[in-house]
Structure formats: structure tokens, C-alpha cells
Amino acid sequence: MKIPISDRLLCCASMVRPGAKVADIGCDHGYLGIFLLREGIAPFVAASDLRPQPLEKAKINSRQFETADRMEFSVADGLEAIRPDSVDTIVCAGMGGDNIAGILEAAPWVRDPKYTLILQPQTSGNDLRRYLGEQGYSIEAEQLVQDGNFLYF
């Protein structure tokens, strides 16, 4: 069975280093984490969403694609339920850049250079870039992807 993953999430997946332990913040249906596990890119994914309904769908999907034993699920705001020692890569995709900045601001531990941040804002990308620059982050790689009629970076 094929995982129904969008082009923008495939782009995020392509930036995850093999062997990374990933936190998928705002995981929605869980397909990014499922894809990373099924493809052998990541051995573990912590999937978190603010709302219980999408997280329940992610749990159902993870059982269907046989990845639930390598996923941890939490209903939480941003990174509040993620244990810093459990992940080394954080993906925030499909939300506004201002929201992503707020998530990072609320979790100062992500400033440690041992963490890789993969950020894909749907809106307010320039606000996110400004925030990252002001906080001393640097952008190491950027990829533009078209998903349907929209361009994402």
C-alpha cells in the first residue's frame, strides 16, 4: 500500500538525515513520520499535534502501515511534550511561519546546534526568516517545491 504523502512533505523527508530521530510537530495525519519509518530513513518518530482528532488519525494510520511500534504520540502545543533527549531532528511543516517561530521560542533547547530543524512555513515565511536571523540561526539548505498550485520553501 502506498503512503499518500504530499510533494511538500516529500521535500521535508528528503532533508532528514538517515538515522535521525525525528519530532514531527503538527503531524496531522502522520504520513511524514510513517514515510520516514517505512523508508528506513528514521528509526523513531515522535508525532505531536495540538488537536486530538488529527492525532487519532495519525495513530490509526501508523497501525495500518505497521509503524506504531516506532512512534510516540502526544497531544501538545508545539514541542512541550517532546523530550529533548529523544530526538535530534525537528520538523515543523504546514503551519504559519509566525507559529513556527513561536514554537521555537517556547523551546529554547532547540537552539543547541545538535538539533536539525526542518521548517516549512505555509505562510509568513519572511517573518520566520527574520526571527531565525535575529535569534542567531542560519539556513544551511533551502529547497523550493511545488505542491499543486502552491510553492513552498
Protein backbone atom coordinates (compact mmCIF):
# COMPACT_ATOMS: atom_id res chain seq x y z
CA MET A 1 0.00 0.00 0.00
CA LYS A 2 1.35 3.43 -0.97
CA ILE A 3 1.60 6.18 1.65
CA PRO A 4 -0.41 9.24 0.47
CA ILE A 5 2.30 11.83 1.13
CA SER A 6 2.33 15.28 -0.49
CA ASP A 7 5.20 16.71 -2.51
CA ARG A 8 5.91 19.30 0.18
CA LEU A 9 6.24 16.60 2.84
CA LEU A 10 8.41 14.52 0.50
CA CYS A 11 10.66 17.57 0.26
CA CYS A 12 10.88 17.71 4.08
CA ALA A 13 11.60 13.98 4.17
CA SER A 14 14.46 14.43 1.70
CA MET A 15 16.15 16.76 4.20
CA VAL A 16 16.08 14.25 7.06
CA ARG A 17 19.46 12.60 7.58
CA PRO A 18 19.41 8.79 7.63
CA GLY A 19 19.25 7.50 11.19
CA ALA A 20 17.69 10.71 12.55
CA LYS A 21 15.29 10.54 15.49
CA VAL A 22 12.52 12.89 14.36
CA ALA A 23 9.88 15.02 16.05
CA ASP A 24 7.03 15.81 13.64
CA ILE A 25 5.31 18.83 15.15
CA GLY A 26 1.80 19.40 13.85
CA CYS A 27 1.87 15.86 12.46
CA ASP A 28 -1.76 15.93 11.28
CA HIS A 29 -2.38 12.51 9.67
CA GLY A 30 1.12 11.22 10.48
CA TYR A 31 2.17 10.44 6.93
CA LEU A 32 5.57 12.15 7.15
CA GLY A 33 6.63 10.06 10.14
CA ILE A 34 5.17 6.90 8.62
CA PHE A 35 7.06 7.55 5.39
CA LEU A 36 10.35 8.15 7.23
CA LEU A 37 9.95 4.89 9.15
CA ARG A 38 8.77 2.77 6.21
CA GLU A 39 11.61 4.01 4.01
CA GLY A 40 14.18 3.24 6.71
CA ILE A 41 15.25 6.89 6.97
CA ALA A 42 14.38 7.25 10.66
CA PRO A 43 14.27 4.61 13.41
CA PHE A 44 11.92 6.67 15.64
CA VAL A 45 9.36 9.45 15.21
CA ALA A 46 7.67 11.48 17.95
CA ALA A 47 4.41 12.71 16.41
CA SER A 48 2.69 15.64 18.07
CA ASP A 49 -0.39 17.67 17.23
CA LEU A 50 -2.33 20.37 19.02
CA ARG A 51 -5.67 18.69 18.31
CA PRO A 52 -6.70 15.16 19.37
CA GLN A 53 -8.67 14.30 16.20
CA PRO A 54 -5.74 14.51 13.74
CA LEU A 55 -3.51 12.70 16.23
CA GLU A 56 -6.03 9.88 16.47
CA LYS A 57 -5.96 9.65 12.66
CA ALA A 58 -2.15 9.50 12.80
CA LYS A 59 -2.38 6.61 15.29
CA ILE A 60 -4.81 4.74 13.03
CA ASN A 61 -2.57 5.33 10.00
CA SER A 62 0.53 4.20 11.89
CA ARG A 63 -1.18 0.93 12.78
CA GLN A 64 -2.35 0.46 9.20
CA PHE A 65 1.19 1.00 7.86
CA GLU A 66 2.75 -1.02 10.72
CA THR A 67 4.89 1.74 12.20
CA ALA A 68 3.08 2.36 15.51
CA ASP A 69 5.71 0.47 17.50
CA ARG A 70 8.33 3.04 16.43
CA MET A 71 6.21 6.14 17.01
CA GLU A 72 5.32 8.09 20.11
CA PHE A 73 2.18 10.25 20.02
CA SER A 74 1.23 13.30 22.06
CA VAL A 75 -1.46 15.95 22.04
CA ALA A 76 0.57 19.04 22.80
CA ASP A 77 1.26 22.63 21.90
CA GLY A 78 4.46 22.75 19.88
CA LEU A 79 7.40 20.96 21.47
CA GLU A 80 6.08 20.88 25.03
CA ALA A 81 5.68 17.07 25.07
CA ILE A 82 8.93 16.28 23.26
CA ARG A 83 11.81 15.11 25.43
CA PRO A 84 14.96 16.83 24.15
CA ASP A 85 17.00 13.64 24.55
CA SER A 86 14.54 11.61 22.43
CA VAL A 87 15.08 13.44 19.11
CA ASP A 88 17.78 15.13 17.07
CA THR A 89 15.67 16.43 14.18
CA ILE A 90 12.56 18.61 14.42
CA VAL A 91 10.15 19.08 11.54
CA CYS A 92 7.56 21.88 11.61
CA ALA A 93 5.65 21.81 8.33
CA GLY A 94 2.35 23.11 7.08
CA MET A 95 1.77 25.93 9.56
CA GLY A 96 2.45 29.65 9.52
CA GLY A 97 5.98 30.97 9.90
CA ASP A 98 4.89 33.07 12.87
CA ASN A 99 3.52 29.93 14.54
CA ILE A 100 6.78 28.06 13.87
CA ALA A 101 8.74 30.96 15.38
CA GLY A 102 6.53 30.79 18.48
CA ILE A 103 7.12 27.04 18.79
CA LEU A 104 10.88 27.53 18.62
CA GLU A 105 10.78 30.46 21.04
CA ALA A 106 8.91 28.36 23.62
CA ALA A 107 11.56 25.60 23.47
CA PRO A 108 14.98 27.24 23.93
CA TRP A 109 16.69 23.83 23.97
CA VAL A 110 16.30 23.65 20.16
CA ARG A 111 18.99 26.35 19.85
CA ASP A 112 21.61 23.72 20.58
CA PRO A 113 23.38 23.04 17.26
CA LYS A 114 23.00 19.28 17.80
CA TYR A 115 19.39 19.66 16.60
CA THR A 116 18.48 19.86 12.93
CA LEU A 117 15.41 21.98 12.24
CA ILE A 118 13.43 21.36 9.06
CA LEU A 119 10.93 24.19 8.73
CA GLN A 120 8.31 24.51 6.00
CA PRO A 121 6.06 27.50 6.60
CA GLN A 122 2.82 27.74 4.63
CA THR A 123 2.58 31.47 5.26
CA SER A 124 4.71 34.24 6.79
CA GLY A 125 7.98 32.77 5.53
CA ASN A 126 9.73 36.14 5.69
CA ASP A 127 8.67 36.59 9.31
CA LEU A 128 10.18 33.20 10.12
CA ARG A 129 13.41 34.08 8.29
CA ARG A 130 13.64 37.34 10.23
CA TYR A 131 13.06 35.55 13.54
CA LEU A 132 15.69 32.91 12.73
CA GLY A 133 18.25 35.58 11.82
CA GLU A 134 17.55 37.62 14.94
CA GLN A 135 17.98 34.50 17.10
CA GLY A 136 21.30 33.53 15.53
CA TYR A 137 20.09 30.58 13.47
CA SER A 138 21.45 30.05 9.98
CA ILE A 139 19.80 28.44 6.98
CA GLU A 140 22.06 25.67 5.68
CA ALA A 141 19.84 24.48 2.83
CA GLU A 142 16.67 25.57 1.17
CA GLN A 143 14.55 23.85 -1.42
CA LEU A 144 11.57 25.18 -3.32
CA VAL A 145 8.79 22.69 -4.07
CA GLN A 146 5.55 22.98 -5.97
CA ASP A 147 2.63 21.08 -4.48
CA GLY A 148 -0.45 21.53 -6.61
CA ASN A 149 -0.75 25.22 -7.45
CA PHE A 150 1.36 26.37 -4.49
CA LEU A 151 5.08 26.93 -4.00
CA TYR A 152 6.64 26.13 -0.63
CA PHE A 153 10.17 26.65 0.69
